[in-house]
Protein backbone atom coordinates (compact mmCIF):
# COMPACT_ATOMS: atom_id res chain seq x y z
CA MET A 1 90.19 181.25 -81.48
CA ILE A 2 87.99 182.00 -78.40
CA ARG A 3 84.86 183.92 -79.18
CA ALA A 4 82.35 185.57 -77.03
CA ALA A 5 79.63 183.29 -76.30
CA ILE A 6 76.73 185.68 -76.39
CA ALA A 7 76.62 187.84 -79.35
CA LEU A 8 73.57 190.33 -79.81
CA ALA A 9 72.86 193.17 -81.81
CA ALA A 10 73.63 196.20 -79.90
CA ALA A 11 74.34 194.26 -76.89
CA LEU A 12 77.14 193.89 -74.25
CA LEU A 13 79.31 190.75 -73.95
CA LEU A 14 81.64 189.29 -71.46
CA ALA A 15 84.24 186.89 -72.02
CA ALA A 16 84.60 185.74 -68.50
CA THR A 17 86.44 182.76 -69.40
CA PRO A 18 87.70 180.89 -72.49
CA ALA A 19 84.81 178.40 -71.96
CA ALA A 20 81.86 180.75 -70.35
CA ALA A 21 80.29 184.18 -71.43
CA GLN A 22 77.82 186.11 -69.36
CA ILE A 23 76.39 189.92 -69.47
CA ALA A 24 78.81 192.08 -68.51
CA PRO A 25 78.17 193.52 -64.96
CA PRO A 26 77.21 197.19 -64.62
CA SER A 27 80.68 197.88 -63.23
CA CYS A 28 82.13 196.93 -66.61
CA TRP A 29 79.77 199.16 -68.88
CA VAL A 30 82.57 201.68 -69.69
CA VAL A 31 81.79 203.66 -66.82
CA SER A 32 84.79 203.04 -64.34
CA GLY A 33 87.79 201.01 -64.39
CA ALA A 34 87.86 200.27 -68.31
CA THR A 35 90.88 200.26 -70.01
CA GLY A 36 92.11 199.38 -73.79
CA TYR A 37 89.08 200.71 -75.41
CA VAL A 38 88.96 200.00 -79.08
CA MET A 39 86.23 200.51 -81.94
CA GLY A 40 86.18 199.49 -85.31
CA ALA A 41 83.81 198.49 -88.25
CA THR A 42 83.59 196.09 -90.99
CA ALA A 43 80.95 195.54 -93.81
CA ALA A 44 78.71 194.09 -91.34
CA GLY A 45 78.69 196.74 -88.94
CA ARG A 46 80.38 198.46 -85.98
CA TYR A 47 81.82 197.35 -82.73
CA ALA A 48 83.81 198.43 -79.79
CA ALA A 49 85.72 196.22 -76.96
CA TRP A 50 87.47 197.06 -73.83
CA TRP A 51 88.78 195.56 -70.85
CA CYS A 52 87.89 195.99 -67.09
CA PRO A 53 88.88 194.59 -63.92
CA ALA A 54 87.37 191.41 -63.03
CA GLY A 55 88.77 190.33 -59.52
CA ILE A 56 92.24 190.04 -58.50
CA GLY A 57 94.83 189.76 -61.33
CA ARG A 58 91.83 189.13 -63.77
CA TRP A 59 90.63 191.00 -66.68
CA SER A 60 87.21 190.72 -68.69
CA ARG A 61 86.84 191.90 -72.02
CA VAL A 62 83.52 193.52 -72.91
CA ILE A 63 82.38 193.72 -76.49
CA LEU A 64 79.63 195.92 -77.98
CA VAL A 65 78.45 195.11 -81.51
CA MET A 66 75.66 196.50 -83.78
CA ARG A 67 75.00 195.33 -87.29
CA THR A 68 74.76 197.79 -90.28
CA ASP A 69 71.20 197.12 -90.80
CA TYR A 70 69.96 197.17 -87.04
CA THR A 71 68.19 199.99 -85.90
CA LEU A 72 69.00 200.80 -82.52
CA LYS A 73 65.59 201.08 -79.93
CA HIS A 74 66.29 204.02 -77.55
CA PRO A 75 64.35 202.95 -74.45
CA VAL A 76 62.52 205.46 -72.07
CA ILE A 77 64.93 206.53 -69.30
CA PRO A 78 63.84 207.97 -66.24
CA PRO A 79 65.39 211.46 -65.27
CA GLY A 80 68.42 210.93 -63.10
CA ALA A 81 69.00 207.27 -63.99
CA GLY A 82 72.84 206.18 -63.60
CA ALA A 83 74.87 204.91 -66.31
CA ALA A 84 74.37 201.68 -65.52
CA SER A 85 70.82 201.60 -65.34
CA VAL A 86 70.78 203.50 -68.85
CA ALA A 87 73.02 200.51 -70.05
CA GLU A 88 70.70 198.01 -68.76
CA ALA A 89 67.79 199.53 -70.15
CA TYR A 90 69.48 199.50 -73.75
CA TRP A 91 70.37 195.83 -73.08
CA ARG A 92 66.75 195.04 -72.42
CA ALA A 93 65.38 196.70 -75.44
CA ASN A 94 67.84 195.70 -78.15
CA VAL A 95 68.85 191.67 -76.94
CA THR A 96 67.95 190.00 -80.36
CA PHE A 97 69.31 186.45 -79.68
CA ASN A 98 71.95 184.19 -78.20
CA TYR A 99 74.53 182.57 -79.75
CA THR A 100 74.97 179.96 -76.83
CA VAL A 101 71.19 178.71 -78.31
CA PRO A 102 71.70 175.98 -81.00
CA GLY A 103 70.50 177.62 -84.50
CA SER A 104 70.87 181.21 -83.54
CA ASN A 105 73.89 181.90 -85.50
CA ASP A 106 73.97 185.14 -87.51
CA PRO A 107 77.09 185.38 -89.51
CA ALA A 108 77.15 189.13 -89.42
CA LEU A 109 77.10 189.22 -85.68
CA LEU A 110 80.04 186.38 -85.67
CA GLU A 111 82.02 188.39 -88.14
CA LEU A 112 81.67 191.47 -85.83
CA CYS A 113 82.21 189.67 -82.62
CA ASP A 114 85.50 187.94 -84.29
CA ALA A 115 86.89 191.54 -85.35
CA ALA A 116 86.23 193.21 -82.10
CA TYR A 117 87.85 190.18 -80.13
CA ASN A 118 90.71 190.19 -82.64
CA ALA A 119 90.94 194.14 -82.07
CA SER A 120 90.98 193.99 -78.30
CA LEU A 121 94.04 191.29 -78.15
CA ASP A 122 96.70 194.38 -78.09
CA THR A 123 94.87 196.45 -75.83
CA MET A 124 94.97 193.76 -72.91
CA PRO A 125 96.89 195.25 -70.05
CA ALA A 126 100.23 193.63 -69.71
CA TRP A 127 101.18 191.33 -67.33
CA ARG A 128 104.36 191.75 -65.34
CA VAL A 129 106.20 189.86 -62.65
CA ALA A 130 104.77 191.28 -59.39
CA THR A 131 106.80 193.76 -56.85
CA ASN A 132 108.59 192.25 -54.17
CA GLY A 133 109.16 195.05 -51.44
CA THR A 134 112.48 196.70 -52.45
CA PHE A 135 113.93 193.64 -54.17
CA VAL A 136 114.70 193.45 -57.60
CA ASP A 137 113.45 190.06 -58.10
CA ARG A 138 110.97 187.46 -56.56
CA PRO A 139 110.82 183.52 -56.65
CA ALA A 140 110.27 181.67 -59.43
CA PHE A 141 108.87 178.24 -59.26
CA ARG A 142 109.05 175.07 -61.48
CA VAL A 143 105.61 174.17 -63.04
CA SER A 144 104.73 170.52 -64.20
CA ALA A 145 103.32 169.84 -67.75
CA ALA A 146 100.30 169.16 -65.56
CA GLY A 147 100.03 172.94 -64.55
CA VAL A 148 101.25 172.25 -60.88
CA ARG A 149 103.77 174.66 -59.64
CA SER A 150 106.58 173.33 -57.10
CA LEU A 151 106.37 174.29 -53.46
CA SER A 152 109.89 175.63 -53.21
CA SER A 153 111.57 178.46 -55.25
CA THR A 154 114.12 177.07 -57.75
CA GLY A 155 114.95 180.60 -59.31
CA ARG A 156 114.18 184.27 -59.59
CA ALA A 157 112.33 186.39 -61.80
CA THR A 158 112.93 190.18 -62.23
CA VAL A 159 110.57 192.40 -60.89
CA GLY A 160 108.69 193.97 -63.82
CA ALA A 161 109.41 191.31 -66.62
CA PRO A 162 106.87 190.03 -68.68
CA CYS A 163 104.58 187.22 -67.89
CA ASP A 164 102.74 184.89 -70.38
CA CYS A 165 99.40 184.21 -68.48
CA THR A 166 97.86 182.86 -71.79
CA ALA A 167 100.43 180.07 -71.62
CA ILE A 168 100.16 178.88 -67.88
CA ARG A 169 98.14 180.61 -65.26
CA ILE A 170 97.75 179.36 -61.76
CA ILE A 171 95.70 181.28 -59.03
CA GLU A 172 96.08 180.26 -55.51
CA GLY A 173 94.14 182.56 -53.10
CA ARG A 174 95.18 186.16 -54.02
CA SER A 175 98.02 185.38 -56.06
CA THR A 176 98.18 184.72 -59.77
CA TYR A 177 101.49 182.77 -60.91
CA CYS A 178 102.43 183.04 -64.76
CA GLN A 179 104.89 181.80 -67.01
CA THR A 180 108.12 183.99 -66.85
CA ALA A 181 110.27 181.07 -68.51
CA PRO A 182 110.06 177.79 -70.04
CA SER A 183 108.50 175.54 -67.10
CA MET A 184 108.74 178.45 -64.58
CA VAL A 185 106.31 180.63 -62.97
CA ALA A 186 105.98 183.65 -60.64
CA ILE A 187 103.57 185.70 -58.83
CA CYS A 188 102.34 188.36 -61.85
CA THR A 189 100.00 191.28 -61.84
CA ASN A 190 98.49 193.38 -64.48
CA PRO A 191 97.53 197.37 -63.88
């Protein structure tokens, strides 16, 4: 299971890729563009997770967690501060540790991050075969076991059909190719 790499009491996390994570940029702090918002709680505390755009055909998961026994520190916010400035001030006031540092694991926060991650799985915007002008389908391509797509079309994919971007995702320039059938990919998008 993929876990957000930075887990902090009352802090934002961004799973940028399965192998890396970072602090969510201000544009992702539930200010604009967020979708698939989910909230919940465990015995360890509360969590919130949502998705926001992170480039062409890509989405990032943002997770906010707070242990039950944690007292949120409220920073001094200057009058007229924007939402991103407020979020950053809370981040600076409440960061307590980093999961990427060996020996800093906190079971309660790990439980919360896992719960938020799992709850957010169903809220990810769905990938679909991209539109192709007025055509009802678009070219589909064979893909090798090594994840290399053929250069010539060997089939068709119906516009709007589901894509599986967790199984295969090939990014070429501004296009994202995902699996539409076994060993086949087509250009896919998500809203």
